[in-house]
PDB file of N, CA and C in Angstrom:
ATOM      1  N   MET A   1      -4.485   9.658   6.531  1.00  0.00           N
ATOM      2  CA  MET A   1      -4.322   9.276   4.975  1.00  0.00           C
ATOM      3  C   MET A   1      -2.737   8.724   5.024  1.00  0.00           C
ATOM      4  N   PRO A   2      -1.789   9.228   5.804  1.00  0.00           N
ATOM      5  CA  PRO A   2      -0.480   8.333   5.573  1.00  0.00           C
ATOM      6  C   PRO A   2      -0.374   7.156   6.135  1.00  0.00           C
ATOM      7  N   GLN A   3      -1.313   6.771   7.199  1.00  0.00           N
ATOM      8  CA  GLN A   3      -1.438   5.486   7.374  1.00  0.00           C
ATOM      9  C   GLN A   3      -1.882   4.382   6.629  1.00  0.00           C
ATOM     10  N   LEU A   4      -2.979   4.866   5.933  1.00  0.00           N
ATOM     11  CA  LEU A   4      -3.378   4.161   4.792  1.00  0.00           C
ATOM     12  C   LEU A   4      -2.614   3.821   3.772  1.00  0.00           C
ATOM     13  N   LYS A   5      -1.803   4.848   3.497  1.00  0.00           N
ATOM     14  CA  LYS A   5      -0.583   4.684   2.511  1.00  0.00           C
ATOM     15  C   LYS A   5       0.392   3.603   2.853  1.00  0.00           C
ATOM     16  N   ILE A   6       0.646   3.680   4.282  1.00  0.00           N
ATOM     17  CA  ILE A   6       1.682   2.649   4.943  1.00  0.00           C
ATOM     18  C   ILE A   6       0.976   1.065   4.611  1.00  0.00           C
ATOM     19  N   LEU A   7      -0.012   1.094   5.113  1.00  0.00           N
ATOM     20  CA  LEU A   7      -0.845  -0.243   5.103  1.00  0.00           C
ATOM     21  C   LEU A   7      -0.707  -0.643   3.561  1.00  0.00           C
ATOM     22  N   MET A   8      -1.078   0.141   2.578  1.00  0.00           N
ATOM     23  CA  MET A   8      -1.052  -0.243   1.323  1.00  0.00           C
ATOM     24  C   MET A   8       0.187  -0.741   0.866  1.00  0.00           C
ATOM     25  N   LEU A   9       1.336   0.039   1.097  1.00  0.00           N
ATOM     26  CA  LEU A   9       2.632  -0.121   0.615  1.00  0.00           C
ATOM     27  C   LEU A   9       3.119  -1.547   1.469  1.00  0.00           C
ATOM     28  N   LEU A  10       2.766  -1.804   2.611  1.00  0.00           N
ATOM     29  CA  LEU A  10       3.115  -2.973   3.247  1.00  0.00           C
ATOM     30  C   LEU A  10       2.310  -4.210   2.611  1.00  0.00           C
ATOM     31  N   ALA A  11       1.083  -3.950   2.152  1.00  0.00           N
ATOM     32  CA  ALA A  11       0.206  -5.194   1.416  1.00  0.00           C
ATOM     33  C   ALA A  11       1.183  -5.327   0.150  1.00  0.00           C
ATOM     34  N   CYS A  12       1.556  -4.226  -0.685  1.00  0.00           N
ATOM     35  CA  CYS A  12       2.051  -4.617  -1.910  1.00  0.00           C
ATOM     36  C   CYS A  12       3.552  -4.859  -2.164  1.00  0.00           C
ATOM     37  N   CYS A  13       4.080  -4.595  -0.878  1.00  0.00           N
ATOM     38  CA  CYS A  13       5.649  -4.951  -0.879  1.00  0.00           C
ATOM     39  C   CYS A  13       6.130  -5.384   0.583  1.00  0.00           C
ATOM     40  N   PRO A  14       5.685  -6.551   0.777  1.00  0.00           N
ATOM     41  CA  PRO A  14       5.858  -7.284   2.102  1.00  0.00           C
ATOM     42  C   PRO A  14       7.419  -7.341   2.259  1.00  0.00           C
ATOM     43  N   GLY A  15       7.812  -7.023   3.564  1.00  0.00           N
ATOM     44  CA  GLY A  15       9.201  -7.130   3.814  1.00  0.00           C
ATOM     45  C   GLY A  15      10.044  -5.692   3.590  1.00  0.00           C
ATOM     46  N   CYS A  16       9.082  -4.729   3.330  1.00  0.00           N
ATOM     47  CA  CYS A  16       9.659  -3.445   3.235  1.00  0.00           C
ATOM     48  C   CYS A  16      10.333  -2.915   4.363  1.00  0.00           C
ATOM     49  N   SER A  17      11.279  -2.286   4.466  1.00  0.00           N
ATOM     50  CA  SER A  17      11.883  -1.714   5.784  1.00  0.00           C
ATOM     51  C   SER A  17      11.258  -0.225   5.992  1.00  0.00           C
ATOM     52  N   ALA A  18      11.217   0.226   7.268  1.00  0.00           N
ATOM     53  CA  ALA A  18      10.838   1.282   7.527  1.00  0.00           C
ATOM     54  C   ALA A  18      11.457   2.490   6.806  1.00  0.00           C
ATOM     55  N   GLN A  19      12.878   2.545   6.488  1.00  0.00           N
ATOM     56  CA  GLN A  19      13.462   3.188   5.759  1.00  0.00           C
ATOM     57  C   GLN A  19      13.030   3.169   4.102  1.00  0.00           C
ATOM     58  N   LYS A  20      12.821   2.200   3.593  1.00  0.00           N
ATOM     59  CA  LYS A  20      12.223   1.991   2.216  1.00  0.00           C
ATOM     60  C   LYS A  20      10.772   2.611   2.225  1.00  0.00           C
ATOM     61  N   ILE A  21       9.976   2.583   3.194  1.00  0.00           N
ATOM     62  CA  ILE A  21       8.584   3.138   3.148  1.00  0.00           C
ATOM     63  C   ILE A  21       9.015   4.568   3.349  1.00  0.00           C
ATOM     64  N   ALA A  22       9.875   5.179   4.078  1.00  0.00           N
ATOM     65  CA  ALA A  22      10.013   6.714   4.199  1.00  0.00           C
ATOM     66  C   ALA A  22      10.515   7.303   2.831  1.00  0.00           C
ATOM     67  N   THR A  23      11.340   6.449   2.127  1.00  0.00           N
ATOM     68  CA  THR A  23      11.757   6.908   0.868  1.00  0.00           C
ATOM     69  C   THR A  23      10.556   6.756  -0.291  1.00  0.00           C
ATOM     70  N   LYS A  24       9.883   5.736  -0.076  1.00  0.00           N
ATOM     71  CA  LYS A  24       8.955   5.621  -1.217  1.00  0.00           C
ATOM     72  C   LYS A  24       7.685   6.720  -0.881  1.00  0.00           C
ATOM     73  N   LEU A  25       7.361   6.973   0.388  1.00  0.00           N
ATOM     74  CA  LEU A  25       6.288   7.952   0.603  1.00  0.00           C
ATOM     75  C   LEU A  25       6.871   9.273   0.885  1.00  0.00           C
ATOM     76  N   LYS A  26       8.274   9.356   0.670  1.00  0.00           N
ATOM     77  CA  LYS A  26       9.014  10.557   0.590  1.00  0.00           C
ATOM     78  C   LYS A  26       8.791  11.680   2.054  1.00  0.00           C
ATOM     79  N   VAL A  27       8.790  10.857   2.897  1.00  0.00           N
ATOM     80  CA  VAL A  27       8.674  11.332   4.146  1.00  0.00           C
ATOM     81  C   VAL A  27      10.121  11.113   5.113  1.00  0.00           C
ATOM     82  N   LYS A  28      10.154  11.714   6.180  1.00  0.00           N
ATOM     83  CA  LYS A  28      11.492  11.670   7.201  1.00  0.00           C
ATOM     84  C   LYS A  28      11.144   9.983   7.869  1.00  0.00           C
ATOM     85  N   ALA A  29      12.491   9.370   8.156  1.00  0.00           N
ATOM     86  CA  ALA A  29      12.351   8.304   8.905  1.00  0.00           C
ATOM     87  C   ALA A  29      11.648   8.322  10.235  1.00  0.00           C
ATOM     88  N   ALA A  30      11.630   9.464  10.887  1.00  0.00           N
ATOM     89  CA  ALA A  30      11.044   9.496  12.247  1.00  0.00           C
ATOM     90  C   ALA A  30       9.610   9.775  12.118  1.00  0.00           C
ATOM     91  N   ASN A  31       8.906  10.109  10.878  1.00  0.00           N
ATOM     92  CA  ASN A  31       7.686  10.368  10.985  1.00  0.00           C
ATOM     93  C   ASN A  31       7.143   8.982  10.519  1.00  0.00           C
ATOM     94  N   ILE A  32       7.786   8.088   9.990  1.00  0.00           N
ATOM     95  CA  ILE A  32       7.354   6.631   9.788  1.00  0.00           C
ATOM     96  C   ILE A  32       7.353   6.009  10.958  1.00  0.00           C
ATOM     97  N   THR A  33       8.347   6.135  11.824  1.00  0.00           N
ATOM     98  CA  THR A  33       8.537   5.470  13.262  1.00  0.00           C
ATOM     99  C   THR A  33       7.207   5.854  14.002  1.00  0.00           C
ATOM    100  N   PHE A  34       6.795   7.163  13.913  1.00  0.00           N
ATOM    101  CA  PHE A  34       5.734   7.607  14.564  1.00  0.00           C
ATOM    102  C   PHE A  34       4.379   6.795  13.832  1.00  0.00           C
ATOM    103  N   LEU A  35       4.318   7.003  12.646  1.00  0.00           N
ATOM    104  CA  LEU A  35       3.053   6.304  12.235  1.00  0.00           C
ATOM    105  C   LEU A  35       3.066   4.890  12.470  1.00  0.00           C
ATOM    106  N   LEU A  36       4.119   4.204  12.383  1.00  0.00           N
ATOM    107  CA  LEU A  36       4.180   2.818  12.601  1.00  0.00           C
ATOM    108  C   LEU A  36       3.808   2.485  14.068  1.00  0.00           C
ATOM    109  N   ASP A  37       4.258   3.408  15.077  1.00  0.00           N
ATOM    110  CA  ASP A  37       3.816   3.172  16.449  1.00  0.00           C
ATOM    111  C   ASP A  37       2.425   3.266  16.517  1.00  0.00           C
ATOM    112  N   GLN A  38       1.896   4.286  15.919  1.00  0.00           N
ATOM    113  CA  GLN A  38       0.145   4.388  15.889  1.00  0.00           C
ATOM    114  C   GLN A  38      -0.581   3.212  15.220  1.00  0.00           C
ATOM    115  N   LEU A  39       0.107   2.676  14.151  1.00  0.00           N
ATOM    116  CA  LEU A  39      -0.483   1.393  13.491  1.00  0.00           C
ATOM    117  C   LEU A  39      -0.173   0.254  14.464  1.00  0.00           C
ATOM    118  N   GLU A  40       0.814   0.120  14.976  1.00  0.00           N
ATOM    119  CA  GLU A  40       1.072  -1.107  16.054  1.00  0.00           C
ATOM    120  C   GLU A  40      -0.060  -0.968  17.147  1.00  0.00           C
ATOM    121  N   LYS A  41      -0.221   0.402  17.883  1.00  0.00           N
ATOM    122  CA  LYS A  41      -1.238   0.550  18.847  1.00  0.00           C
ATOM    123  C   LYS A  41      -2.644  -0.014  18.274  1.00  0.00           C
ATOM    124  N   LYS A  42      -2.953   0.080  17.307  1.00  0.00           N
ATOM    125  CA  LYS A  42      -4.468  -0.494  16.665  1.00  0.00           C
ATOM    126  C   LYS A  42      -4.317  -1.684  16.194  1.00  0.00           C
ATOM    127  N   LYS A  43      -3.176  -2.317  16.461  1.00  0.00           N
ATOM    128  CA  LYS A  43      -2.927  -3.931  16.046  1.00  0.00           C
ATOM    129  C   LYS A  43      -2.979  -4.252  14.612  1.00  0.00           C
ATOM    130  N   LEU A  44      -2.673  -3.098  13.888  1.00  0.00           N
ATOM    131  CA  LEU A  44      -2.778  -3.063  12.305  1.00  0.00           C
ATOM    132  C   LEU A  44      -1.200  -3.565  11.896  1.00  0.00           C
ATOM    133  N   VAL A  45      -0.366  -3.508  12.413  1.00  0.00           N
ATOM    134  CA  VAL A  45       1.037  -3.763  12.127  1.00  0.00           C
ATOM    135  C   VAL A  45       2.062  -4.105  13.271  1.00  0.00           C
ATOM    136  N   LYS A  46       2.727  -5.069  13.054  1.00  0.00           N
ATOM    137  CA  LYS A  46       3.525  -5.527  14.092  1.00  0.00           C
ATOM    138  C   LYS A  46       5.054  -5.412  13.424  1.00  0.00           C
ATOM    139  N   ARG A  47       5.956  -5.321  14.276  1.00  0.00           N
ATOM    140  CA  ARG A  47       7.295  -5.230  13.861  1.00  0.00           C
ATOM    141  C   ARG A  47       8.215  -6.591  14.167  1.00  0.00           C
ATOM    142  N   ASN A  48       8.922  -7.142  13.248  1.00  0.00           N
ATOM    143  CA  ASN A  48       9.384  -8.322  13.061  1.00  0.00           C
ATOM    144  C   ASN A  48      11.086  -8.019  13.285  1.00  0.00           C
ATOM    145  N   ARG A  49      11.727  -8.770  13.915  1.00  0.00           N
ATOM    146  CA  ARG A  49      13.093  -8.539  14.229  1.00  0.00           C
ATOM    147  C   ARG A  49      13.811  -9.616  13.029  1.00  0.00           C
ATOM    148  N   GLU A  50      14.730  -9.192  12.406  1.00  0.00           N
ATOM    149  CA  GLU A  50      15.334 -10.042  11.265  1.00  0.00           C
ATOM    150  C   GLU A  50      16.104 -10.948  11.970  1.00  0.00           C
ATOM    151  N   ALA A  51      15.903 -12.077  11.523  1.00  0.00           N
ATOM    152  CA  ALA A  51      17.066 -13.184  12.212  1.00  0.00           C
ATOM    153  C   ALA A  51      18.511 -13.060  11.894  1.00  0.00           C
ATOM    154  N   PHE A  52      18.952 -12.640  10.778  1.00  0.00           N
ATOM    155  CA  PHE A  52      20.321 -12.218  10.366  1.00  0.00           C
ATOM    156  C   PHE A  52      20.736 -11.072  10.929  1.00  0.00           C
ATOM    157  N   ASP A  53      19.987 -10.169  11.646  1.00  0.00           N
ATOM    158  CA  ASP A  53      20.555  -8.813  12.054  1.00  0.00           C
ATOM    159  C   ASP A  53      19.303  -8.456  13.042  1.00  0.00           C
ATOM    160  N   ARG A  54      19.503  -8.687  14.266  1.00  0.00           N
ATOM    161  CA  ARG A  54      18.281  -8.357  15.220  1.00  0.00           C
ATOM    162  C   ARG A  54      18.188  -6.879  15.176  1.00  0.00           C
ATOM    163  N   ARG A  55      19.155  -6.110  14.882  1.00  0.00           N
ATOM    164  CA  ARG A  55      18.873  -4.680  14.980  1.00  0.00           C
ATOM    165  C   ARG A  55      18.009  -4.067  13.978  1.00  0.00           C
ATOM    166  N   MET A  56      17.832  -4.929  12.817  1.00  0.00           N
ATOM    167  CA  MET A  56      16.911  -4.638  11.629  1.00  0.00           C
ATOM    168  C   MET A  56      15.430  -5.116  12.018  1.00  0.00           C
ATOM    169  N   ILE A  57      14.631  -4.037  12.048  1.00  0.00           N
ATOM    170  CA  ILE A  57      13.124  -4.384  12.275  1.00  0.00           C
ATOM    171  C   ILE A  57      12.291  -4.122  10.963  1.00  0.00           C
ATOM    172  N   THR A  58      11.548  -5.084  10.705  1.00  0.00           N
ATOM    173  CA  THR A  58      10.520  -5.088   9.384  1.00  0.00           C
ATOM    174  C   THR A  58       9.161  -4.960   9.934  1.00  0.00           C
ATOM    175  N   PRO A  59       8.415  -3.906   9.477  1.00  0.00           N
ATOM    176  CA  PRO A  59       7.034  -3.787   9.630  1.00  0.00           C
ATOM    177  C   PRO A  59       6.313  -4.724   9.046  1.00  0.00           C
ATOM    178  N   VAL A  60       5.447  -5.545   9.420  1.00  0.00           N
ATOM    179  CA  VAL A  60       4.441  -6.173   8.532  1.00  0.00           C
ATOM    180  C   VAL A  60       2.954  -6.070   9.050  1.00  0.00           C
ATOM    181  N   LEU A  61       2.115  -6.411   8.070  1.00  0.00           N
ATOM    182  CA  LEU A  61       0.752  -6.418   8.408  1.00  0.00           C
ATOM    183  C   LEU A  61       0.029  -7.462   9.210  1.00  0.00           C
ATOM    184  N   THR A  62      -0.613  -7.166  10.432  1.00  0.00           N
ATOM    185  CA  THR A  62      -1.220  -8.114  11.093  1.00  0.00           C
ATOM    186  C   THR A  62      -2.468  -8.858  10.542  1.00  0.00           C
ATOM    187  N   ASP A  63      -2.904  -9.735  11.009  1.00  0.00           N
ATOM    188  CA  ASP A  63      -4.208 -10.242  10.166  1.00  0.00           C
ATOM    189  C   ASP A  63      -5.184  -9.167  10.106  1.00  0.00           C
ATOM    190  N   ARG A  64      -5.331  -8.509  11.299  1.00  0.00           N
ATOM    191  CA  ARG A  64      -6.278  -7.500  11.455  1.00  0.00           C
ATOM    192  C   ARG A  64      -5.915  -6.509  10.237  1.00  0.00           C
ATOM    193  N   GLY A  65      -4.705  -6.003  10.097  1.00  0.00           N
ATOM    194  CA  GLY A  65      -4.309  -5.049   9.148  1.00  0.00           C
ATOM    195  C   GLY A  65      -4.561  -5.546   7.720  1.00  0.00           C
ATOM    196  N   THR A  66      -4.382  -6.677   7.449  1.00  0.00           N
ATOM    197  CA  THR A  66      -4.714  -7.657   6.138  1.00  0.00           C
ATOM    198  C   THR A  66      -6.186  -7.612   5.913  1.00  0.00           C
ATOM    199  N   ARG A  67      -6.892  -7.925   6.783  1.00  0.00           N
ATOM    200  CA  ARG A  67      -8.278  -7.974   6.408  1.00  0.00           C
ATOM    201  C   ARG A  67      -8.836  -6.587   6.135  1.00  0.00           C
ATOM    202  N   LEU A  68      -8.091  -5.365   6.871  1.00  0.00           N
ATOM    203  CA  LEU A  68      -8.748  -4.250   6.891  1.00  0.00           C
ATOM    204  C   LEU A  68      -8.168  -3.518   5.260  1.00  0.00           C
ATOM    205  N   ILE A  69      -7.027  -3.905   4.880  1.00  0.00           N
ATOM    206  CA  ILE A  69      -6.638  -3.395   3.551  1.00  0.00           C
ATOM    207  C   ILE A  69      -7.129  -4.067   2.425  1.00  0.00           C
ATOM    208  N   ASN A  70      -7.429  -5.582   2.620  1.00  0.00           N
ATOM    209  CA  ASN A  70      -8.324  -6.201   1.714  1.00  0.00           C
ATOM    210  C   ASN A  70      -9.709  -5.774   1.437  1.00  0.00           C
ATOM    211  N   SER A  71     -10.257  -5.255   2.481  1.00  0.00           N
ATOM    212  CA  SER A  71     -11.564  -4.625   2.638  1.00  0.00           C
ATOM    213  C   SER A  71     -11.498  -3.343   1.808  1.00  0.00           C
ATOM    214  N   PHE A  72     -10.674  -2.422   1.990  1.00  0.00           N
ATOM    215  CA  PHE A  72     -10.190  -1.285   1.325  1.00  0.00           C
ATOM    216  C   PHE A  72     -10.224  -1.618  -0.508  1.00  0.00           C
ATOM    217  N   PHE A  73      -9.361  -2.495  -0.669  1.00  0.00           N
ATOM    218  CA  PHE A  73      -8.854  -2.792  -1.866  1.00  0.00           C
ATOM    219  C   PHE A  73     -10.366  -3.304  -2.547  1.00  0.00           C
ATOM    220  N   ARG A  74     -11.081  -4.162  -1.876  1.00  0.00           N
ATOM    221  CA  ARG A  74     -12.431  -4.657  -2.445  1.00  0.00           C
ATOM    222  C   ARG A  74     -13.432  -3.401  -2.779  1.00  0.00           C
ATOM    223  N   SER A  75     -13.501  -2.613  -1.946  1.00  0.00           N
ATOM    224  CA  SER A  75     -14.324  -1.553  -1.991  1.00  0.00           C
ATOM    225  C   SER A  75     -13.930  -0.638  -2.946  1.00  0.00           C
ATOM    226  N   SER A  76     -12.788  -0.360  -3.115  1.00  0.00           N
ATOM    227  CA  SER A  76     -12.196   0.322  -4.279  1.00  0.00           C
ATOM    228  C   SER A  76     -12.437  -0.316  -5.632  1.00  0.00           C
ATOM    229  N   GLN A  77     -12.225  -1.494  -5.647  1.00  0.00           N
ATOM    230  CA  GLN A  77     -12.405  -2.239  -7.044  1.00  0.00           C
ATOM    231  C   GLN A  77     -13.900  -2.287  -7.398  1.00  0.00           C
ATOM    232  N   SER A  78     -14.934  -2.283  -6.448  1.00  0.00           N
ATOM    233  CA  SER A  78     -16.148  -2.279  -6.989  1.00  0.00           C
ATOM    234  C   SER A  78     -16.674  -0.895  -7.036  1.00  0.00           C
ATOM    235  N   TYR A  79     -15.993   0.041  -6.689  1.00  0.00           N
ATOM    236  CA  TYR A  79     -16.430   1.546  -7.042  1.00  0.00           C
ATOM    237  C   TYR A  79     -15.719   1.799  -8.420  1.00  0.00           C
ATOM    238  N   TRP A  80     -14.688   1.097  -8.812  1.00  0.00           N
ATOM    239  CA  TRP A  80     -14.205   1.372 -10.157  1.00  0.00           C
ATOM    240  C   TRP A  80     -14.876   0.690 -11.080  1.00  0.00           C
ATOM    241  N   GLU A  81     -15.273  -0.581 -10.663  1.00  0.00           N
ATOM    242  CA  GLU A  81     -15.974  -1.385 -11.595  1.00  0.00           C
ATOM    243  C   GLU A  81     -17.361  -0.681 -12.142  1.00  0.00           C
ATOM    244  N   GLU A  82     -18.045  -0.175 -11.009  1.00  0.00           N
ATOM    245  CA  GLU A  82     -19.422   0.576 -11.381  1.00  0.00           C
ATOM    246  C   GLU A  82     -18.964   1.909 -12.128  1.00  0.00           C
ATOM    247  N   LYS A  83     -17.846   2.234 -11.993  1.00  0.00           N
ATOM    248  CA  LYS A  83     -17.636   3.587 -13.045  1.00  0.00           C
ATOM    249  C   LYS A  83     -17.356   3.187 -14.443  1.00  0.00           C
ATOM    250  N   LEU A  84     -16.696   2.245 -14.453  1.00  0.00           N
ATOM    251  CA  LEU A  84     -16.203   1.840 -15.648  1.00  0.00           C
ATOM    252  C   LEU A  84     -17.366   1.006 -16.661  1.00  0.00           C
ATOM    253  N   ASP A  85     -18.300   0.460 -15.840  1.00  0.00           N
ATOM    254  CA  ASP A  85     -19.497  -0.229 -16.446  1.00  0.00           C
ATOM    255  C   ASP A  85     -20.331   0.948 -17.106  1.00  0.00           C
ATOM    256  N   LYS A  86     -20.186   2.214 -16.725  1.00  0.00           N
ATOM    257  CA  LYS A  86     -21.118   3.280 -17.501  1.00  0.00           C
ATOM    258  C   LYS A  86     -20.189   3.775 -18.847  1.00  0.00           C
ATOM    259  N   LEU A  87     -19.059   3.324 -18.924  1.00  0.00           N
ATOM    260  CA  LEU A  87     -18.362   3.806 -20.131  1.00  0.00           C
ATOM    261  C   LEU A  87     -18.798   3.004 -21.505  1.00  0.00           C
ATOM    262  N   SER A  88     -18.703   3.578 -22.620  1.00  0.00           N
ATOM    263  CA  SER A  88     -18.784   2.760 -23.644  1.00  0.00           C
ATOM    264  C   SER A  88     -17.662   1.855 -24.002  1.00  0.00           C
ATOM    265  N   ASP A  89     -17.970   1.043 -24.859  1.00  0.00           N
ATOM    266  CA  ASP A  89     -16.921  -0.042 -25.223  1.00  0.00           C
ATOM    267  C   ASP A  89     -15.760   0.958 -25.924  1.00  0.00           C
ATOM    268  N   GLU A  90     -16.062   1.936 -26.804  1.00  0.00           N
ATOM    269  CA  GLU A  90     -14.907   2.935 -27.394  1.00  0.00           C
ATOM    270  C   GLU A  90     -14.148   3.586 -26.259  1.00  0.00           C
ATOM    271  N   ASP A  91     -14.893   4.071 -25.233  1.00  0.00           N
ATOM    272  CA  ASP A  91     -14.083   4.878 -24.192  1.00  0.00           C
ATOM    273  C   ASP A  91     -13.300   3.847 -23.262  1.00  0.00           C
ATOM    274  N   LYS A  92     -13.899   2.688 -23.135  1.00  0.00           N
ATOM    275  CA  LYS A  92     -12.906   1.830 -22.482  1.00  0.00           C
ATOM    276  C   LYS A  92     -11.783   1.472 -23.018  1.00  0.00           C
ATOM    277  N   GLU A  93     -11.830   1.116 -24.377  1.00  0.00           N
ATOM    278  CA  GLU A  93     -10.686   0.864 -25.506  1.00  0.00           C
ATOM    279  C   GLU A  93      -9.733   1.986 -25.368  1.00  0.00           C
ATOM    280  N   ALA A  94     -10.173   3.297 -25.352  1.00  0.00           N
ATOM    281  CA  ALA A  94      -9.386   4.704 -25.504  1.00  0.00           C
ATOM    282  C   ALA A  94      -8.625   4.602 -23.921  1.00  0.00           C
ATOM    283  N   LEU A  95      -9.485   4.239 -22.941  1.00  0.00           N
ATOM    284  CA  LEU A  95      -8.832   4.325 -21.496  1.00  0.00           C
ATOM    285  C   LEU A  95      -7.604   3.115 -21.256  1.00  0.00           C
ATOM    286  N   TYR A  96      -8.028   1.989 -21.977  1.00  0.00           N
ATOM    287  CA  TYR A  96      -7.081   1.017 -22.075  1.00  0.00           C
ATOM    288  C   TYR A  96      -5.705   1.085 -22.850  1.00  0.00           C
ATOM    289  N   ARG A  97      -5.905   1.634 -23.924  1.00  0.00           N
ATOM    290  CA  ARG A  97      -4.560   2.255 -24.808  1.00  0.00           C
ATOM    291  C   ARG A  97      -3.746   3.360 -23.930  1.00  0.00           C
ATOM    292  N   GLY A  98      -4.517   4.294 -23.183  1.00  0.00           N
ATOM    293  CA  GLY A  98      -3.918   5.341 -22.607  1.00  0.00           C
ATOM    294  C   GLY A  98      -2.951   4.733 -21.319  1.00  0.00           C
ATOM    295  N   LEU A  99      -3.903   4.086 -20.658  1.00  0.00           N
ATOM    296  CA  LEU A  99      -3.159   3.406 -19.418  1.00  0.00           C
ATOM    297  C   LEU A  99      -1.946   2.451 -19.891  1.00  0.00           C
ATOM    298  N   LYS A 100      -2.017   1.761 -21.009  1.00  0.00           N
ATOM    299  CA  LYS A 100      -1.031   0.929 -21.510  1.00  0.00           C
ATOM    300  C   LYS A 100       0.282   1.740 -21.612  1.00  0.00           C
ATOM    301  N   ALA A 101      -0.149   2.992 -22.437  1.00  0.00           N
ATOM    302  CA  ALA A 101       1.059   3.838 -22.794  1.00  0.00           C
ATOM    303  C   ALA A 101       1.745   4.475 -21.472  1.00  0.00           C
ATOM    304  N   LEU A 102       0.893   4.792 -20.596  1.00  0.00           N
ATOM    305  CA  LEU A 102       1.450   5.073 -19.379  1.00  0.00           C
ATOM    306  C   LEU A 102       2.303   4.219 -18.618  1.00  0.00           C
ATOM    307  N   VAL A 103       1.788   3.079 -18.392  1.00  0.00           N
ATOM    308  CA  VAL A 103       2.508   1.914 -17.999  1.00  0.00           C
ATOM    309  C   VAL A 103       3.753   1.800 -18.360  1.00  0.00           C
ATOM    310  N   LYS A 104       4.144   2.047 -19.837  1.00  0.00           N
ATOM    311  CA  LYS A 104       5.269   1.744 -20.617  1.00  0.00           C
ATOM    312  C   LYS A 104       6.491   2.729 -20.058  1.00  0.00           C
ATOM    313  N   GLU A 105       5.706   3.792 -19.613  1.00  0.00           N
ATOM    314  CA  GLU A 105       6.653   5.013 -19.169  1.00  0.00           C
ATOM    315  C   GLU A 105       7.204   4.896 -18.021  1.00  0.00           C
ATOM    316  N   LEU A 106       6.575   3.943 -17.013  1.00  0.00           N
ATOM    317  CA  LEU A 106       6.878   3.739 -15.577  1.00  0.00           C
ATOM    318  C   LEU A 106       8.343   3.316 -15.483  1.00  0.00           C
ATOM    319  N   PRO A 107       9.075   3.497 -14.532  1.00  0.00           N
ATOM    320  CA  PRO A 107      10.347   2.806 -14.291  1.00  0.00           C
ATOM    321  C   PRO A 107      10.302   1.455 -13.825  1.00  0.00           C
TER     322      PRO A 107
END
């Protein structure tokens, strides 16, 4: 599951550093390094060196990683569409209002 979270984060936040990923996922940087190693072995992530500072390495999704995460998002979307289709219009409106209020409270 942590690997999936990293893939999702890289899909939503391209250019995220390993440190930023660690911070967002609330884990130690060493754990992120280990997880990135595993994802790299699976050819889902590669590490790019920054041109302005070759010491900085940015993890990015490979084509294979992008296809995998897109597939996951599509299957997730169809799952939720199926569930939402079962709601009445009134329930959908209530859900919409609740989510809208929640989004207003996000940083």
